[in-house]
Each structure stands twice: as structure tokens, then as C-alpha cells.
Protein backbone atom coordinates (compact mmCIF):
# COMPACT_ATOMS: atom_id res chain seq x y z
CA MET A 1 0.25 -0.11 -0.07
CA VAL A 2 1.25 3.53 -0.86
CA LYS A 3 2.75 5.82 1.90
CA ILE A 4 2.45 9.33 1.65
CA LEU A 5 5.09 11.35 3.27
CA THR A 6 5.51 15.14 3.86
CA ILE A 7 8.94 16.63 4.58
CA GLY A 8 8.30 19.98 6.35
CA ASN A 9 9.18 22.89 8.96
CA PHE A 10 8.49 26.18 9.34
CA LYS A 11 11.92 27.26 8.81
CA GLY A 12 13.28 27.89 5.37
CA GLY A 13 16.85 26.62 4.39
CA VAL A 14 16.76 23.53 6.89
CA GLY A 15 17.28 20.72 4.06
CA LYS A 16 13.77 19.88 3.17
CA SER A 17 14.08 19.98 -0.35
CA THR A 18 17.47 18.27 -0.25
CA THR A 19 16.27 15.33 1.66
CA SER A 20 13.03 14.97 -0.06
CA SER A 21 14.94 14.76 -3.38
CA VAL A 22 17.77 12.25 -1.88
CA PHE A 23 15.16 10.14 -0.62
CA THR A 24 13.41 10.09 -3.77
CA CYS A 25 16.41 8.89 -5.61
CA LEU A 26 17.29 6.23 -2.94
CA LEU A 27 13.75 4.80 -2.95
CA GLY A 28 14.07 4.85 -6.82
CA ASN A 29 16.96 2.95 -6.66
CA ALA A 30 15.84 0.29 -4.32
CA ASP A 31 13.20 -0.57 -7.34
CA LYS A 32 10.44 1.59 -5.46
CA HIS A 33 8.01 3.52 -7.64
CA VAL A 34 8.20 7.20 -6.35
CA LEU A 35 6.11 10.28 -7.04
CA LEU A 36 7.90 13.60 -5.74
CA ILE A 37 5.56 16.43 -5.43
CA ASP A 38 7.30 19.72 -5.23
CA PHE A 39 4.60 21.80 -3.48
CA ASP A 40 6.74 24.91 -2.89
CA PRO A 41 6.51 27.79 -5.87
CA GLN A 42 10.34 28.23 -5.66
CA GLY A 43 10.78 24.77 -7.03
CA ASN A 44 14.06 24.04 -5.25
CA SER A 45 13.36 20.10 -5.20
CA SER A 46 12.36 20.37 -9.11
CA GLU A 47 15.59 22.16 -9.81
CA LEU A 48 17.73 19.58 -7.95
CA ILE A 49 16.18 16.51 -9.73
CA GLU A 50 16.70 18.37 -13.09
CA LYS A 51 20.36 18.91 -12.43
CA THR A 52 20.73 15.22 -10.73
CA PHE A 53 19.19 13.37 -13.66
CA GLN A 54 19.90 15.85 -16.27
CA HIS A 55 16.56 15.75 -17.53
CA SER A 56 14.35 18.84 -18.61
CA LEU A 57 11.08 18.56 -16.91
CA GLN A 58 9.05 19.68 -19.44
CA GLN A 59 5.16 19.26 -18.51
CA SER A 60 2.16 18.80 -20.81
CA VAL A 61 0.28 21.19 -18.56
CA SER A 62 1.59 22.74 -15.40
CA THR A 63 0.95 21.73 -11.95
CA ILE A 64 -1.46 24.45 -11.12
CA GLU A 65 -3.39 23.81 -14.18
CA ALA A 66 -3.44 20.47 -13.34
CA ILE A 67 -5.21 21.25 -9.85
CA GLU A 68 -7.54 23.65 -11.72
CA ASN A 69 -8.78 20.95 -13.96
CA THR A 70 -8.80 18.36 -11.06
CA ASP A 71 -6.51 15.83 -12.57
CA LEU A 72 -2.92 15.71 -11.76
CA ARG A 73 -1.92 13.21 -14.38
CA PRO A 74 -1.19 15.56 -17.39
CA ALA A 75 1.30 17.31 -15.05
CA ILE A 76 3.21 14.69 -13.97
CA VAL A 77 6.64 13.93 -15.59
CA ASN A 78 8.54 10.81 -15.77
CA VAL A 79 12.27 11.20 -14.85
CA THR A 80 13.26 7.56 -14.56
CA SER A 81 11.38 3.99 -14.83
CA ASN A 82 10.97 4.37 -11.00
CA ILE A 83 10.59 8.04 -10.38
CA ASP A 84 7.82 10.65 -11.23
CA ILE A 85 7.88 14.34 -10.43
CA LEU A 86 5.08 16.86 -10.06
CA LYS A 87 6.98 20.06 -10.87
CA ALA A 88 6.77 23.39 -9.37
CA ASP A 89 7.12 26.78 -10.80
CA TRP A 90 6.17 30.18 -9.93
CA SER A 91 2.69 29.79 -11.14
CA LEU A 92 2.12 27.62 -8.29
CA ALA A 93 2.02 30.58 -6.20
CA VAL A 94 -1.60 31.57 -7.16
CA LEU A 95 -2.62 28.19 -5.49
CA PRO A 96 -4.34 29.96 -2.38
CA GLU A 97 -6.42 32.13 -4.48
CA LEU A 98 -7.29 29.45 -7.00
CA ILE A 99 -8.52 26.97 -4.02
CA GLU A 100 -10.56 29.87 -2.64
CA GLU A 101 -12.12 30.44 -5.70
CA ARG A 102 -12.81 26.85 -6.95
CA PHE A 103 -13.48 25.05 -3.62
CA ALA A 104 -16.05 25.04 -0.83
CA LYS A 105 -14.62 25.94 2.30
CA LYS A 106 -14.83 22.71 3.73
CA ASP A 107 -12.75 21.21 0.96
CA ARG A 108 -10.07 23.74 1.07
CA LEU A 109 -7.65 21.87 2.85
CA PHE A 110 -8.15 18.57 1.47
CA VAL A 111 -7.84 19.38 -2.20
CA LEU A 112 -4.50 17.55 -2.51
CA LYS A 113 -5.72 14.62 -0.79
CA GLN A 114 -8.56 14.15 -3.06
CA LEU A 115 -6.30 14.58 -6.15
CA LEU A 116 -4.05 11.97 -4.78
CA ASN A 117 -6.66 9.63 -4.28
CA ARG A 118 -7.21 9.21 -7.90
CA ILE A 119 -3.25 8.15 -8.70
CA LYS A 120 -1.62 7.04 -5.52
CA GLU A 121 -2.19 3.19 -6.24
CA ASN A 122 0.44 3.66 -9.14
CA TYR A 123 3.15 4.28 -6.53
CA ASP A 124 4.69 2.71 -3.63
CA PHE A 125 5.81 6.24 -1.95
CA ILE A 126 4.75 9.76 -2.49
CA LEU A 127 7.03 12.45 -0.95
CA ILE A 128 5.70 16.00 -0.72
CA ASP A 129 8.14 18.67 -0.06
CA THR A 130 6.68 21.89 1.51
CA PRO A 131 7.37 25.75 1.57
CA PRO A 132 8.47 26.93 4.86
CA THR A 133 5.29 28.68 6.01
CA LEU A 134 2.01 28.18 7.65
CA SER A 135 0.08 27.93 4.64
CA VAL A 136 -2.68 26.30 2.21
CA TYR A 137 0.31 24.27 0.68
CA THR A 138 1.55 23.05 4.11
CA ASN A 139 -2.11 22.11 5.52
CA ASN A 140 -2.97 20.31 1.91
CA ALA A 141 0.38 18.32 2.37
CA ILE A 142 -0.02 17.31 5.61
CA LEU A 143 -3.55 16.36 5.84
CA ALA A 144 -3.00 14.49 2.32
CA SER A 145 -0.18 12.26 4.30
CA ASP A 146 0.19 9.19 6.14
CA TYR A 147 3.13 10.51 7.84
CA VAL A 148 5.21 13.85 8.45
CA LEU A 149 8.70 13.99 8.64
CA MET A 150 10.49 17.02 10.12
CA VAL A 151 14.24 18.07 9.24
CA LEU A 152 15.72 19.83 12.09
CA GLN A 153 18.90 21.85 11.51
CA THR A 154 20.98 22.47 14.60
CA GLN A 155 20.49 26.13 14.74
CA GLN A 156 18.26 27.83 17.51
CA GLN A 157 15.94 29.31 15.29
CA ALA A 158 15.06 25.87 13.48
CA TYR A 159 15.01 24.40 16.76
CA SER A 160 12.51 26.99 17.86
CA SER A 161 10.58 26.72 14.51
CA SER A 162 10.55 22.77 14.96
CA VAL A 163 8.83 22.95 18.17
CA LYS A 164 6.18 25.30 16.80
CA PHE A 165 5.79 22.74 13.95
CA VAL A 166 5.18 20.03 16.22
CA GLN A 167 2.69 22.13 18.37
CA TYR A 168 0.86 22.80 15.06
CA LEU A 169 0.61 19.24 13.78
CA GLN A 170 -0.78 18.43 16.94
CA GLN A 171 -3.47 20.96 16.86
CA LEU A 172 -4.10 19.88 13.19
CA GLN A 173 -4.55 16.52 14.19
CA LYS A 174 -6.86 17.62 16.92
CA ASP A 175 -9.12 20.13 14.44
CA TYR A 176 -9.46 17.68 11.87
CA ASP A 177 -9.42 14.45 13.75
CA ASP A 178 -6.73 13.47 10.96
CA SER A 179 -4.59 10.06 11.28
CA PHE A 180 -1.41 11.44 9.97
CA ASP A 181 1.69 10.55 12.22
CA LEU A 182 4.53 12.28 13.01
CA LEU A 183 7.28 9.54 11.48
CA GLY A 184 10.47 11.31 12.88
CA ILE A 185 12.89 14.12 13.19
CA VAL A 186 16.01 13.92 11.52
CA PRO A 187 19.00 15.97 13.07
CA TYR A 188 20.43 17.87 9.82
CA LEU A 189 23.87 18.92 8.87
CA ILE A 190 25.32 18.86 12.14
CA ASN A 191 28.67 20.04 12.73
CA LYS A 192 30.29 17.41 15.14
CA GLN A 193 32.79 19.94 16.41
CA GLY A 194 30.23 22.76 17.03
CA PRO A 195 29.00 23.09 20.77
CA VAL A 196 25.75 24.85 19.61
CA ASP A 197 25.08 22.01 17.51
CA GLN A 198 25.39 19.75 20.33
CA GLU A 199 23.30 21.82 22.49
CA VAL A 200 20.54 22.21 20.23
CA ILE A 201 20.56 18.40 19.79
CA ASN A 202 20.52 17.78 23.44
CA ASP A 203 17.38 20.10 23.73
CA ALA A 204 15.67 18.58 20.95
CA GLU A 205 15.99 15.12 22.43
CA LYS A 206 14.74 16.27 25.86
CA VAL A 207 11.62 17.82 24.18
CA PHE A 208 11.08 15.35 21.24
CA GLY A 209 12.33 12.11 22.87
CA VAL A 210 11.88 8.93 20.57
CA ALA A 211 10.75 11.07 17.61
CA MET A 212 14.41 11.93 17.06
CA THR A 213 15.85 9.63 14.74
CA THR A 214 19.17 7.75 15.70
CA ASN A 215 21.00 8.31 12.58
CA LYS A 216 21.74 11.77 11.82
CA ILE A 217 22.96 13.88 8.88
CA TYR A 218 26.42 15.58 9.19
CA HIS A 219 27.73 18.61 7.69
CA ARG A 220 29.44 17.74 4.18
CA GLU A 221 30.55 20.02 1.40
CA ARG A 222 29.21 17.21 -0.90
CA VAL A 223 25.53 18.57 -0.03
CA LYS A 224 26.47 22.15 -1.31
CA ARG A 225 27.80 20.46 -4.23
CA TRP A 226 24.61 18.63 -4.96
CA GLY A 227 22.90 22.02 -5.05
CA ARG A 228 25.34 23.03 -7.72
CA PHE A 229 25.38 19.88 -9.70
CA GLY A 230 23.14 17.38 -8.72
CA ILE A 231 23.03 14.34 -6.33
CA ARG A 232 25.78 12.25 -7.25
CA SER A 233 27.62 8.97 -6.51
CA ASP A 234 30.42 9.44 -8.37
CA ASP A 235 33.35 8.82 -5.66
CA THR A 236 33.90 7.81 -2.22
CA TRP A 237 32.90 10.94 -0.46
CA ASP A 238 29.64 11.21 -2.49
CA GLN A 239 28.81 7.57 -1.19
CA ARG A 240 29.72 8.48 2.35
CA THR A 241 27.24 11.17 2.22
CA LEU A 242 24.58 9.38 0.61
CA LYS A 243 25.02 6.50 3.09
CA MET A 244 24.08 8.89 6.02
CA TYR A 245 20.75 9.49 4.26
CA ASP A 246 20.43 5.75 3.46
CA ASN A 247 20.81 4.91 7.07
CA VAL A 248 18.23 7.52 8.19
CA LEU A 249 15.79 6.50 5.30
CA ASN A 250 16.17 2.88 6.42
CA GLU A 251 15.39 3.72 10.04
CA LEU A 252 12.34 5.66 9.05
CA LEU A 253 11.08 2.48 6.85
CA ALA A 254 11.70 0.42 9.56
CA ARG A 255 9.38 2.85 12.07
CA VAL A 256 6.90 2.73 9.23
CA ASN A 257 6.65 -1.35 9.34
CA TYR A 258 6.59 -1.27 13.21
CA LYS A 259 3.55 1.29 13.12
CA GLU A 260 1.67 -0.71 10.79
CA ARG A 261 1.99 -4.11 12.19
């Protein structure tokens, strides 16, 4: 059965798009059929996938047109035999106005969920990359998901935003009686020699407890290079960096299996 996972945080620049894209690649390499939904008008995940596969993501119709037509299929781009993407661009910025105009109030936070219900059985996993805001994008993504993953960069502002994000998830569950679950919180781009990094990790472990993943993503220059040239596995250092993400992903998949016994 398909698993739908939103990657989120209210803080920008914490690694949501990179994590979404790397997990998509790793799952595709593991022979899973994956749909990556770039739900951020900035389109960072879309750009990273283009650079990684050197594949121009040409859509028959834009994502915003597909939402307006209530059919996502024409906007989905096939990247590899296992990876599809729903691309984002700046036209997606009009989504709040479109939803307000075209959908009844009771349906506005469930637009994406209804659209995904029509296609989700084609996939093993659907990953949703969200913008760093409290918005119709984030709400639709979360309420369409089975699980939410939060990426926590070891900065004080990112930690404060993470606390607020988890509180918001709890309120959203309560308000809409929804069954999504917080799958985990991934410590991200940690500097092993940084005292502030360790302080933030210690604070987060006290507040979030077992929600924190045991495996962590440590700071590597390779991640910055991926932003310029795409995700690579060309040499030992790339492979070591990807292995960190693979370890986190396997831990998260084990959590999914445990929760669904």
C-alpha cells in the first residue's frame, strides 16, 4: 500500500528539498515507484532533480493547471522508470487564490488529498516537499499524508521553529481528527565540533524524545555541491554522504513497518 510522506518545517533552508530529493533517488534505486511532489513555488526540489538526472522537466500542463482541472496526471513528468515528479514553478504561487475561488470552504484543506486519491495506487511512495510557511500548501500536504517527517537543522531558530511545527501538527490532528503520524525528526547538517549543535541536539532530544532519529545527517561539503551539480554517487565521498541519508531512510522505513504491524 502506498505511503504518503510530507517533509516539513516552518524554517526555510533547513534541508527539506535536499532530503526530499535524496530520499526520492534512494527509493527509486531500491526499485520503488516514487512520486515526488514539489509543492513549493520556489521549485528547489524540481531544480535538484533536473540537475541530478540532467532531465528537463517539461510538463504537458503546469501543476497549477492540473489542480484547476482536478486531474494531476497530465502534469506528472516521468524522470526514470521508477521516479516521477510533479514539478513546481512560480505559477503555483496562485494556489491559495485558486483554492478559495474554486473549492467550497470545507474542502479547501483536502484538495491535494482528493487529487492524490485518484493516482496514489500507481506508487509505492509519494513524497511531498513543502514551503517553509504556515499556508494552504503545508496544510494540504499534511492532511493528504500518512506521515510527516521534520528536518531539524542544529540552529536555535530552526529548533524554535521545529517546536512550533510539532505543536501545529498536534493542533491540526485535533481540529480535523486526522490520522497522519509524525514519523520522525531528523537532525540535519550537524557540525560534530560545534558546541551549539550539540546543545540544540540535547534540547531537542529532551523535548521530542524518541521522535528523534538515531541516525543523523552530518555536515558535508558534498551536500552543497549537489545543490550546484545534482545528487551524485561518483566517488567515495559522495557515497559516504549518501550513506548517511540511506541510514536515516532505512530507520524511517523500519518505523513505518513497526507502526503498521
